[in-house]
C-alpha atoms as a PDB file:
ATOM      1  CA  MET A   1      -6.589   1.468  -0.688  1.00  0.00           C
ATOM      2  CA  SER A   2      -4.270  -1.445  -1.631  1.00  0.00           C
ATOM      3  CA  ASN A   3      -2.353  -2.259  -5.020  1.00  0.00           C
ATOM      4  CA  ALA A   4      -3.945  -4.611  -7.508  1.00  0.00           C
ATOM      5  CA  SER A   5      -1.395  -3.755  -9.853  1.00  0.00           C
ATOM      6  CA  ALA A   6       0.418  -6.906  -9.151  1.00  0.00           C
ATOM      7  CA  CYS A   7      -2.295  -9.104  -9.375  1.00  0.00           C
ATOM      8  CA  GLY A   8      -3.323 -11.017 -12.688  1.00  0.00           C
ATOM      9  CA  ASP A   9      -7.086 -10.972 -14.144  1.00  0.00           C
ATOM     10  CA  ASN A  10      -7.506 -13.924 -11.782  1.00  0.00           C
ATOM     11  CA  CYS A  11      -7.992 -11.576  -8.828  1.00  0.00           C
ATOM     12  CA  ALA A  12     -10.983  -9.764 -10.527  1.00  0.00           C
ATOM     13  CA  ARG A  13     -13.462 -12.467  -9.377  1.00  0.00           C
ATOM     14  CA  TRP A  14     -12.085 -12.154  -5.894  1.00  0.00           C
ATOM     15  CA  ILE A  15     -12.066  -7.981  -5.682  1.00  0.00           C
ATOM     16  CA  LEU A  16     -15.762  -8.223  -6.795  1.00  0.00           C
ATOM     17  CA  SER A  17     -16.450 -10.899  -4.383  1.00  0.00           C
ATOM     18  CA  ILE A  18     -15.068  -8.664  -1.883  1.00  0.00           C
ATOM     19  CA  ALA A  19     -16.953  -5.745  -2.827  1.00  0.00           C
ATOM     20  CA  SER A  20     -20.201  -6.967  -3.220  1.00  0.00           C
ATOM     21  CA  LYS A  21     -19.836  -7.181   0.943  1.00  0.00           C
ATOM     22  CA  GLN A  22     -17.901  -3.525   1.562  1.00  0.00           C
ATOM     23  CA  ASP A  23     -16.534  -0.927  -0.387  1.00  0.00           C
ATOM     24  CA  VAL A  24     -13.074  -1.435  -1.517  1.00  0.00           C
ATOM     25  CA  THR A  25     -10.668   0.864  -3.123  1.00  0.00           C
ATOM     26  CA  ILE A  26      -7.741  -0.917  -5.540  1.00  0.00           C
ATOM     27  CA  ASN A  27      -5.081   0.812  -7.355  1.00  0.00           C
ATOM     28  CA  LEU A  28      -5.009  -0.373 -10.825  1.00  0.00           C
ATOM     29  CA  ARG A  29      -1.930   0.217 -13.266  1.00  0.00           C
ATOM     30  CA  HIS A  30      -3.632  -1.953 -16.019  1.00  0.00           C
ATOM     31  CA  LEU A  31      -6.524  -2.803 -17.252  1.00  0.00           C
ATOM     32  CA  MET A  32      -7.694  -5.579 -15.402  1.00  0.00           C
ATOM     33  CA  SER A  33     -10.603  -7.659 -17.028  1.00  0.00           C
ATOM     34  CA  PHE A  34     -13.487  -7.870 -14.734  1.00  0.00           C
ATOM     35  CA  GLY A  35     -15.508 -10.586 -17.122  1.00  0.00           C
ATOM     36  CA  ASP A  36     -18.748 -10.123 -18.905  1.00  0.00           C
ATOM     37  CA  GLY A  37     -21.296  -9.360 -15.769  1.00  0.00           C
ATOM     38  CA  ARG A  38     -22.460  -6.215 -13.982  1.00  0.00           C
ATOM     39  CA  PHE A  39     -21.270  -4.217 -11.665  1.00  0.00           C
ATOM     40  CA  ALA A  40     -20.778  -1.168 -10.112  1.00  0.00           C
ATOM     41  CA  MET A  41     -17.412   0.198  -9.932  1.00  0.00           C
ATOM     42  CA  ARG A  42     -16.394   4.404  -9.253  1.00  0.00           C
ATOM     43  CA  VAL A  43     -13.251   5.255 -11.003  1.00  0.00           C
ATOM     44  CA  LEU A  44     -11.877   8.061  -9.210  1.00  0.00           C
ATOM     45  CA  ASN A  45      -9.937   9.491 -11.895  1.00  0.00           C
ATOM     46  CA  SER A  46     -13.033  10.728 -13.481  1.00  0.00           C
ATOM     47  CA  SER A  47     -15.598  10.137 -10.235  1.00  0.00           C
ATOM     48  CA  ASN A  48     -17.697   8.070 -13.391  1.00  0.00           C
ATOM     49  CA  VAL A  49     -19.671   4.507 -12.292  1.00  0.00           C
ATOM     50  CA  VAL A  50     -18.891   2.153 -14.688  1.00  0.00           C
ATOM     51  CA  HIS A  51     -21.184  -1.054 -14.661  1.00  0.00           C
ATOM     52  CA  ASP A  52     -19.580  -3.255 -17.262  1.00  0.00           C
ATOM     53  CA  MET A  53     -15.943  -3.860 -19.262  1.00  0.00           C
ATOM     54  CA  LEU A  54     -17.322  -1.841 -22.235  1.00  0.00           C
ATOM     55  CA  GLY A  55     -17.370   0.794 -19.606  1.00  0.00           C
ATOM     56  CA  LEU A  56     -14.264   0.556 -17.850  1.00  0.00           C
ATOM     57  CA  ILE A  57     -12.741   0.266 -21.255  1.00  0.00           C
ATOM     58  CA  ALA A  58     -13.761   3.480 -22.324  1.00  0.00           C
ATOM     59  CA  GLU A  59     -12.755   5.301 -18.842  1.00  0.00           C
ATOM     60  CA  TYR A  60      -9.361   3.548 -19.554  1.00  0.00           C
ATOM     61  CA  ASP A  61      -9.152   4.938 -22.958  1.00  0.00           C
ATOM     62  CA  ILE A  62      -9.850   8.260 -21.507  1.00  0.00           C
ATOM     63  CA  ALA A  63      -7.416   8.010 -19.030  1.00  0.00           C
ATOM     64  CA  MET A  64      -4.623   6.956 -21.381  1.00  0.00           C
ATOM     65  CA  HIS A  65      -5.250   9.998 -23.969  1.00  0.00           C
ATOM     66  CA  GLU A  66      -5.319  12.486 -21.195  1.00  0.00           C
ATOM     67  CA  ARG A  67      -1.846  11.147 -19.661  1.00  0.00           C
ATOM     68  CA  TYR A  68      -0.524  10.104 -23.356  1.00  0.00           C
ATOM     69  CA  GLY A  69      -2.276  12.092 -25.849  1.00  0.00           C
END
């Protein structure tokens, strides 16, 4: 697992590129923009798979409500 929280949104394309070749597990403490394209990403907090930023934002929103109310 790598801590990607120190990376800016410019790292997202590299993360997706590496992940297209091998499984990658990252830790994010912020909502990183992975752009307008489609992808497959498992959110470990919920085990749900999202396929675009709208799905990732929805997962982020659920996690924030669970954590902060």
